[in-house]
Every structure is written in C-alpha cells, then in structure tokens.
Amino acid sequence: MVILLMANAGVIAASQDAAPDTWRRLVGQMLRAYATPGADLPPLEPAPAPTVLYRAMVRLTRPPSGPDGETK
C-alpha cells in the first residue's frame, strides 16, 4: 500500500500544474488491479493529452526555482 501511495504522490507532483486530475486515473487503475472479477467499478477518467504529459515531463527535468524565480 505504501508503494501505491508513493506512486500516486509522484503522479501528483509531476502533473500538478499541467494536469491536476491525472491522479484520479491512476487511482482508477489501482482499483481495477485489485478488484474482484465482475466488480462494479466507475469508469476511468480520460487520459491526459500527450501535450499535457509532455509539459509535465519537461517540468520534472527543470531544476527547482526559488521564490524569486532564480534556480537553486
């Protein structure tokens, strides 16, 4: 369970600006992975657009900046 929570925290951190609801899709996938066969599950959230995912990945590769916008 801890690994699943850490994975979700990573998705939130990576996509918070570009696609803030992406975590909902991951949680939906997790529910499907552990659900019993035939369980009634809500539909999955739509996947973010490729451009949104690209922006999230670019954001992750940039060094963090301080409050005044300067790179730390």
PDB file of N, CA and C in Angstrom:
ATOM      1  N   MET A   1       0.819  -1.187   0.000  1.00  0.00           N
ATOM      2  CA  MET A   1       0.000   0.000   0.000  1.00  0.00           C
ATOM      3  C   MET A   1       0.868   1.259   0.000  1.00  0.00           C
ATOM      4  N   VAL A   2       1.965   1.226   0.729  1.00  0.00           N
ATOM      5  CA  VAL A   2       2.846   2.394   0.780  1.00  0.00           C
ATOM      6  C   VAL A   2       3.400   2.708  -0.606  1.00  0.00           C
ATOM      7  N   ILE A   3       3.778   1.698  -1.358  1.00  0.00           N
ATOM      8  CA  ILE A   3       4.305   1.912  -2.709  1.00  0.00           C
ATOM      9  C   ILE A   3       3.230   2.543  -3.596  1.00  0.00           C
ATOM     10  N   LEU A   4       1.987   2.107  -3.475  1.00  0.00           N
ATOM     11  CA  LEU A   4       0.910   2.686  -4.270  1.00  0.00           C
ATOM     12  C   LEU A   4       0.697   4.155  -3.921  1.00  0.00           C
ATOM     13  N   LEU A   5       0.753   4.481  -2.648  1.00  0.00           N
ATOM     14  CA  LEU A   5       0.605   5.870  -2.224  1.00  0.00           C
ATOM     15  C   LEU A   5       1.770   6.716  -2.721  1.00  0.00           C
ATOM     16  N   MET A   6       2.974   6.156  -2.698  1.00  0.00           N
ATOM     17  CA  MET A   6       4.140   6.882  -3.203  1.00  0.00           C
ATOM     18  C   MET A   6       4.031   7.109  -4.714  1.00  0.00           C
ATOM     19  N   ALA A   7       3.535   6.113  -5.427  1.00  0.00           N
ATOM     20  CA  ALA A   7       3.347   6.263  -6.872  1.00  0.00           C
ATOM     21  C   ALA A   7       2.334   7.364  -7.153  1.00  0.00           C
ATOM     22  N   ASN A   8       1.260   7.392  -6.400  1.00  0.00           N
ATOM     23  CA  ASN A   8       0.245   8.423  -6.595  1.00  0.00           C
ATOM     24  C   ASN A   8       0.799   9.804  -6.252  1.00  0.00           C
ATOM     25  N   ALA A   9       1.595   9.897  -5.205  1.00  0.00           N
ATOM     26  CA  ALA A   9       2.217  11.180  -4.850  1.00  0.00           C
ATOM     27  C   ALA A   9       3.147  11.649  -5.965  1.00  0.00           C
ATOM     28  N   GLY A  10       3.847  10.722  -6.599  1.00  0.00           N
ATOM     29  CA  GLY A  10       4.709  11.077  -7.722  1.00  0.00           C
ATOM     30  C   GLY A  10       3.921  11.608  -8.904  1.00  0.00           C
ATOM     31  N   VAL A  11       2.791  11.002  -9.186  1.00  0.00           N
ATOM     32  CA  VAL A  11       1.938  11.474 -10.285  1.00  0.00           C
ATOM     33  C   VAL A  11       1.412  12.869  -9.957  1.00  0.00           C
ATOM     34  N   ILE A  12       1.005  13.091  -8.727  1.00  0.00           N
ATOM     35  CA  ILE A  12       0.504  14.405  -8.329  1.00  0.00           C
ATOM     36  C   ILE A  12       1.605  15.454  -8.465  1.00  0.00           C
ATOM     37  N   ALA A  13       2.804  15.137  -7.984  1.00  0.00           N
ATOM     38  CA  ALA A  13       3.917  16.092  -8.066  1.00  0.00           C
ATOM     39  C   ALA A  13       4.290  16.400  -9.507  1.00  0.00           C
ATOM     40  N   ALA A  14       4.262  15.395 -10.356  1.00  0.00           N
ATOM     41  CA  ALA A  14       4.684  15.576 -11.749  1.00  0.00           C
ATOM     42  C   ALA A  14       3.657  16.323 -12.576  1.00  0.00           C
ATOM     43  N   SER A  15       2.403  16.161 -12.256  1.00  0.00           N
ATOM     44  CA  SER A  15       1.362  16.700 -13.136  1.00  0.00           C
ATOM     45  C   SER A  15       0.507  17.780 -12.489  1.00  0.00           C
ATOM     46  N   GLN A  16       0.905  18.283 -11.341  1.00  0.00           N
ATOM     47  CA  GLN A  16       0.043  19.210 -10.606  1.00  0.00           C
ATOM     48  C   GLN A  16      -0.311  20.468 -11.388  1.00  0.00           C
ATOM     49  N   ASP A  17       0.614  21.002 -12.171  1.00  0.00           N
ATOM     50  CA  ASP A  17       0.314  22.214 -12.934  1.00  0.00           C
ATOM     51  C   ASP A  17      -0.323  21.895 -14.283  1.00  0.00           C
ATOM     52  N   ALA A  18       0.204  20.891 -14.958  1.00  0.00           N
ATOM     53  CA  ALA A  18      -0.231  20.595 -16.327  1.00  0.00           C
ATOM     54  C   ALA A  18      -1.552  19.827 -16.372  1.00  0.00           C
ATOM     55  N   ALA A  19      -1.718  18.854 -15.487  1.00  0.00           N
ATOM     56  CA  ALA A  19      -2.928  18.014 -15.490  1.00  0.00           C
ATOM     57  C   ALA A  19      -3.261  17.624 -14.054  1.00  0.00           C
ATOM     58  N   PRO A  20      -3.877  18.531 -13.303  1.00  0.00           N
ATOM     59  CA  PRO A  20      -4.078  18.286 -11.878  1.00  0.00           C
ATOM     60  C   PRO A  20      -4.963  17.094 -11.517  1.00  0.00           C
ATOM     61  N   ASP A  21      -5.776  16.607 -12.444  1.00  0.00           N
ATOM     62  CA  ASP A  21      -6.659  15.477 -12.131  1.00  0.00           C
ATOM     63  C   ASP A  21      -6.129  14.130 -12.606  1.00  0.00           C
ATOM     64  N   THR A  22      -4.876  14.092 -13.048  1.00  0.00           N
ATOM     65  CA  THR A  22      -4.297  12.850 -13.557  1.00  0.00           C
ATOM     66  C   THR A  22      -4.269  11.761 -12.487  1.00  0.00           C
ATOM     67  N   TRP A  23      -4.128  12.150 -11.233  1.00  0.00           N
ATOM     68  CA  TRP A  23      -4.082  11.173 -10.151  1.00  0.00           C
ATOM     69  C   TRP A  23      -5.353  10.328 -10.101  1.00  0.00           C
ATOM     70  N   ARG A  24      -6.465  10.893 -10.516  1.00  0.00           N
ATOM     71  CA  ARG A  24      -7.726  10.146 -10.484  1.00  0.00           C
ATOM     72  C   ARG A  24      -7.674   8.920 -11.407  1.00  0.00           C
ATOM     73  N   ARG A  25      -7.024   9.079 -12.556  1.00  0.00           N
ATOM     74  CA  ARG A  25      -6.892   7.949 -13.481  1.00  0.00           C
ATOM     75  C   ARG A  25      -6.022   6.854 -12.864  1.00  0.00           C
ATOM     76  N   LEU A  26      -4.928   7.245 -12.208  1.00  0.00           N
ATOM     77  CA  LEU A  26      -4.068   6.251 -11.569  1.00  0.00           C
ATOM     78  C   LEU A  26      -4.823   5.504 -10.474  1.00  0.00           C
ATOM     79  N   VAL A  27      -5.584   6.206  -9.671  1.00  0.00           N
ATOM     80  CA  VAL A  27      -6.367   5.547  -8.612  1.00  0.00           C
ATOM     81  C   VAL A  27      -7.386   4.593  -9.240  1.00  0.00           C
ATOM     82  N   GLY A  28      -7.997   4.992 -10.345  1.00  0.00           N
ATOM     83  CA  GLY A  28      -8.926   4.105 -11.041  1.00  0.00           C
ATOM     84  C   GLY A  28      -8.248   2.838 -11.528  1.00  0.00           C
ATOM     85  N   GLN A  29      -7.037   2.986 -12.048  1.00  0.00           N
ATOM     86  CA  GLN A  29      -6.279   1.808 -12.491  1.00  0.00           C
ATOM     87  C   GLN A  29      -5.927   0.910 -11.303  1.00  0.00           C
ATOM     88  N   MET A  30      -5.564   1.522 -10.183  1.00  0.00           N
ATOM     89  CA  MET A  30      -5.240   0.735  -8.985  1.00  0.00           C
ATOM     90  C   MET A  30      -6.465  -0.045  -8.507  1.00  0.00           C
ATOM     91  N   LEU A  31      -7.619   0.613  -8.511  1.00  0.00           N
ATOM     92  CA  LEU A  31      -8.844  -0.082  -8.089  1.00  0.00           C
ATOM     93  C   LEU A  31      -9.130  -1.274  -8.991  1.00  0.00           C
ATOM     94  N   ARG A  32      -8.925  -1.105 -10.276  1.00  0.00           N
ATOM     95  CA  ARG A  32      -9.148  -2.208 -11.219  1.00  0.00           C
ATOM     96  C   ARG A  32      -8.153  -3.347 -10.991  1.00  0.00           C
ATOM     97  N   ALA A  33      -6.939  -3.004 -10.644  1.00  0.00           N
ATOM     98  CA  ALA A  33      -5.912  -4.026 -10.439  1.00  0.00           C
ATOM     99  C   ALA A  33      -6.235  -4.927  -9.249  1.00  0.00           C
ATOM    100  N   TYR A  34      -6.876  -4.365  -8.240  1.00  0.00           N
ATOM    101  CA  TYR A  34      -7.133  -5.130  -7.019  1.00  0.00           C
ATOM    102  C   TYR A  34      -8.594  -5.527  -6.835  1.00  0.00           C
ATOM    103  N   ALA A  35      -9.440  -5.195  -7.783  1.00  0.00           N
ATOM    104  CA  ALA A  35     -10.864  -5.523  -7.667  1.00  0.00           C
ATOM    105  C   ALA A  35     -11.100  -7.002  -7.953  1.00  0.00           C
ATOM    106  N   THR A  36     -12.149  -7.519  -7.379  1.00  0.00           N
ATOM    107  CA  THR A  36     -12.531  -8.891  -7.673  1.00  0.00           C
ATOM    108  C   THR A  36     -13.148  -8.950  -9.068  1.00  0.00           C
ATOM    109  N   PRO A  37     -13.035 -10.079  -9.744  1.00  0.00           N
ATOM    110  CA  PRO A  37     -13.641 -10.187 -11.075  1.00  0.00           C
ATOM    111  C   PRO A  37     -15.137  -9.897 -11.016  1.00  0.00           C
ATOM    112  N   GLY A  38     -15.587  -9.098 -11.962  1.00  0.00           N
ATOM    113  CA  GLY A  38     -17.002  -8.761 -12.032  1.00  0.00           C
ATOM    114  C   GLY A  38     -17.430  -7.617 -11.134  1.00  0.00           C
ATOM    115  N   ALA A  39     -16.472  -6.999 -10.435  1.00  0.00           N
ATOM    116  CA  ALA A  39     -16.823  -5.892  -9.544  1.00  0.00           C
ATOM    117  C   ALA A  39     -17.331  -4.705 -10.359  1.00  0.00           C
ATOM    118  N   ASP A  40     -18.279  -4.002  -9.801  1.00  0.00           N
ATOM    119  CA  ASP A  40     -18.838  -2.828 -10.458  1.00  0.00           C
ATOM    120  C   ASP A  40     -17.953  -1.633 -10.132  1.00  0.00           C
ATOM    121  N   LEU A  41     -17.179  -1.175 -11.126  1.00  0.00           N
ATOM    122  CA  LEU A  41     -16.245  -0.073 -10.917  1.00  0.00           C
ATOM    123  C   LEU A  41     -16.667   1.142 -11.739  1.00  0.00           C
ATOM    124  N   PRO A  42     -16.377   2.338 -11.228  1.00  0.00           N
ATOM    125  CA  PRO A  42     -16.698   3.535 -12.010  1.00  0.00           C
ATOM    126  C   PRO A  42     -15.817   3.594 -13.253  1.00  0.00           C
ATOM    127  N   PRO A  43     -16.256   4.325 -14.266  1.00  0.00           N
ATOM    128  CA  PRO A  43     -15.433   4.433 -15.478  1.00  0.00           C
ATOM    129  C   PRO A  43     -14.127   5.158 -15.189  1.00  0.00           C
ATOM    130  N   LEU A  44     -13.114   4.855 -15.985  1.00  0.00           N
ATOM    131  CA  LEU A  44     -11.819   5.521 -15.838  1.00  0.00           C
ATOM    132  C   LEU A  44     -11.915   6.969 -16.296  1.00  0.00           C
ATOM    133  N   GLU A  45     -11.150   7.801 -15.645  1.00  0.00           N
ATOM    134  CA  GLU A  45     -11.011   9.181 -16.104  1.00  0.00           C
ATOM    135  C   GLU A  45     -10.302   9.154 -17.452  1.00  0.00           C
ATOM    136  N   PRO A  46     -10.564  10.107 -18.309  1.00  0.00           N
ATOM    137  CA  PRO A  46      -9.860  10.127 -19.592  1.00  0.00           C
ATOM    138  C   PRO A  46      -8.368  10.375 -19.396  1.00  0.00           C
ATOM    139  N   ALA A  47      -7.581   9.827 -20.279  1.00  0.00           N
ATOM    140  CA  ALA A  47      -6.130  10.027 -20.216  1.00  0.00           C
ATOM    141  C   ALA A  47      -5.803  11.466 -20.590  1.00  0.00           C
ATOM    142  N   PRO A  48      -4.781  12.020 -19.966  1.00  0.00           N
ATOM    143  CA  PRO A  48      -4.390  13.374 -20.353  1.00  0.00           C
ATOM    144  C   PRO A  48      -3.854  13.389 -21.782  1.00  0.00           C
ATOM    145  N   ALA A  49      -3.966  14.521 -22.418  1.00  0.00           N
ATOM    146  CA  ALA A  49      -3.470  14.677 -23.784  1.00  0.00           C
ATOM    147  C   ALA A  49      -1.945  14.528 -23.806  1.00  0.00           C
ATOM    148  N   PRO A  50      -1.393  14.034 -24.891  1.00  0.00           N
ATOM    149  CA  PRO A  50       0.071  13.890 -24.981  1.00  0.00           C
ATOM    150  C   PRO A  50       0.821  15.199 -24.723  1.00  0.00           C
ATOM    151  N   THR A  51       0.275  16.320 -25.149  1.00  0.00           N
ATOM    152  CA  THR A  51       0.961  17.596 -24.906  1.00  0.00           C
ATOM    153  C   THR A  51       1.008  17.935 -23.419  1.00  0.00           C
ATOM    154  N   VAL A  52      -0.041  17.573 -22.690  1.00  0.00           N
ATOM    155  CA  VAL A  52      -0.068  17.803 -21.254  1.00  0.00           C
ATOM    156  C   VAL A  52       0.968  16.923 -20.562  1.00  0.00           C
ATOM    157  N   LEU A  53       1.058  15.676 -20.965  1.00  0.00           N
ATOM    158  CA  LEU A  53       2.066  14.782 -20.388  1.00  0.00           C
ATOM    159  C   LEU A  53       3.475  15.274 -20.688  1.00  0.00           C
ATOM    160  N   TYR A  54       3.678  15.778 -21.892  1.00  0.00           N
ATOM    161  CA  TYR A  54       4.987  16.313 -22.263  1.00  0.00           C
ATOM    162  C   TYR A  54       5.351  17.494 -21.358  1.00  0.00           C
ATOM    163  N   ARG A  55       4.395  18.407 -21.141  1.00  0.00           N
ATOM    164  CA  ARG A  55       4.669  19.545 -20.254  1.00  0.00           C
ATOM    165  C   ARG A  55       5.012  19.089 -18.840  1.00  0.00           C
ATOM    166  N   ALA A  56       4.321  18.063 -18.354  1.00  0.00           N
ATOM    167  CA  ALA A  56       4.607  17.541 -17.016  1.00  0.00           C
ATOM    168  C   ALA A  56       6.017  16.952 -16.956  1.00  0.00           C
ATOM    169  N   MET A  57       6.432  16.238 -17.988  1.00  0.00           N
ATOM    170  CA  MET A  57       7.768  15.649 -18.006  1.00  0.00           C
ATOM    171  C   MET A  57       8.852  16.728 -18.113  1.00  0.00           C
ATOM    172  N   VAL A  58       8.596  17.766 -18.896  1.00  0.00           N
ATOM    173  CA  VAL A  58       9.552  18.874 -19.001  1.00  0.00           C
ATOM    174  C   VAL A  58       9.691  19.552 -17.646  1.00  0.00           C
ATOM    175  N   ARG A  59       8.590  19.747 -16.972  1.00  0.00           N
ATOM    176  CA  ARG A  59       8.620  20.371 -15.646  1.00  0.00           C
ATOM    177  C   ARG A  59       9.474  19.565 -14.676  1.00  0.00           C
ATOM    178  N   LEU A  60       9.405  18.252 -14.771  1.00  0.00           N
ATOM    179  CA  LEU A  60      10.191  17.404 -13.868  1.00  0.00           C
ATOM    180  C   LEU A  60      11.685  17.500 -14.133  1.00  0.00           C
ATOM    181  N   THR A  61      12.081  17.797 -15.357  1.00  0.00           N
ATOM    182  CA  THR A  61      13.504  17.833 -15.687  1.00  0.00           C
ATOM    183  C   THR A  61      14.153  19.179 -15.407  1.00  0.00           C
ATOM    184  N   ARG A  62      13.366  20.194 -15.129  1.00  0.00           N
ATOM    185  CA  ARG A  62      13.920  21.517 -14.818  1.00  0.00           C
ATOM    186  C   ARG A  62      14.336  21.580 -13.365  1.00  0.00           C
ATOM    187  N   PRO A  63      15.429  22.284 -13.089  1.00  0.00           N
ATOM    188  CA  PRO A  63      15.837  22.439 -11.681  1.00  0.00           C
ATOM    189  C   PRO A  63      14.822  23.292 -10.935  1.00  0.00           C
ATOM    190  N   PRO A  64      14.636  23.025  -9.646  1.00  0.00           N
ATOM    191  CA  PRO A  64      13.667  23.810  -8.877  1.00  0.00           C
ATOM    192  C   PRO A  64      14.114  25.266  -8.792  1.00  0.00           C
ATOM    193  N   SER A  65      13.153  26.169  -8.735  1.00  0.00           N
ATOM    194  CA  SER A  65      13.483  27.589  -8.604  1.00  0.00           C
ATOM    195  C   SER A  65      13.023  28.084  -7.241  1.00  0.00           C
ATOM    196  N   GLY A  66      13.680  29.133  -6.798  1.00  0.00           N
ATOM    197  CA  GLY A  66      13.347  29.734  -5.514  1.00  0.00           C
ATOM    198  C   GLY A  66      12.139  30.634  -5.643  1.00  0.00           C
ATOM    199  N   PRO A  67      11.739  31.275  -4.557  1.00  0.00           N
ATOM    200  CA  PRO A  67      10.549  32.127  -4.575  1.00  0.00           C
ATOM    201  C   PRO A  67      10.685  33.323  -5.523  1.00  0.00           C
ATOM    202  N   ASP A  68      11.927  33.775  -5.769  1.00  0.00           N
ATOM    203  CA  ASP A  68      12.122  34.912  -6.658  1.00  0.00           C
ATOM    204  C   ASP A  68      12.346  34.480  -8.102  1.00  0.00           C
ATOM    205  N   GLY A  69      12.197  33.179  -8.382  1.00  0.00           N
ATOM    206  CA  GLY A  69      12.330  32.664  -9.747  1.00  0.00           C
ATOM    207  C   GLY A  69      13.731  32.232 -10.117  1.00  0.00           C
ATOM    208  N   GLU A  70      14.684  32.453  -9.231  1.00  0.00           N
ATOM    209  CA  GLU A  70      16.057  32.034  -9.517  1.00  0.00           C
ATOM    210  C   GLU A  70      16.231  30.544  -9.253  1.00  0.00           C
ATOM    211  N   THR A  71      17.078  29.916 -10.072  1.00  0.00           N
ATOM    212  CA  THR A  71      17.368  28.489  -9.896  1.00  0.00           C
ATOM    213  C   THR A  71      18.213  28.301  -8.650  1.00  0.00           C
ATOM    214  N   LYS A  72      17.861  27.300  -7.876  1.00  0.00           N
ATOM    215  CA  LYS A  72      18.619  26.990  -6.649  1.00  0.00           C
ATOM    216  C   LYS A  72      19.892  26.256  -6.962  1.00  0.00           C
TER     217      LYS A  72
END
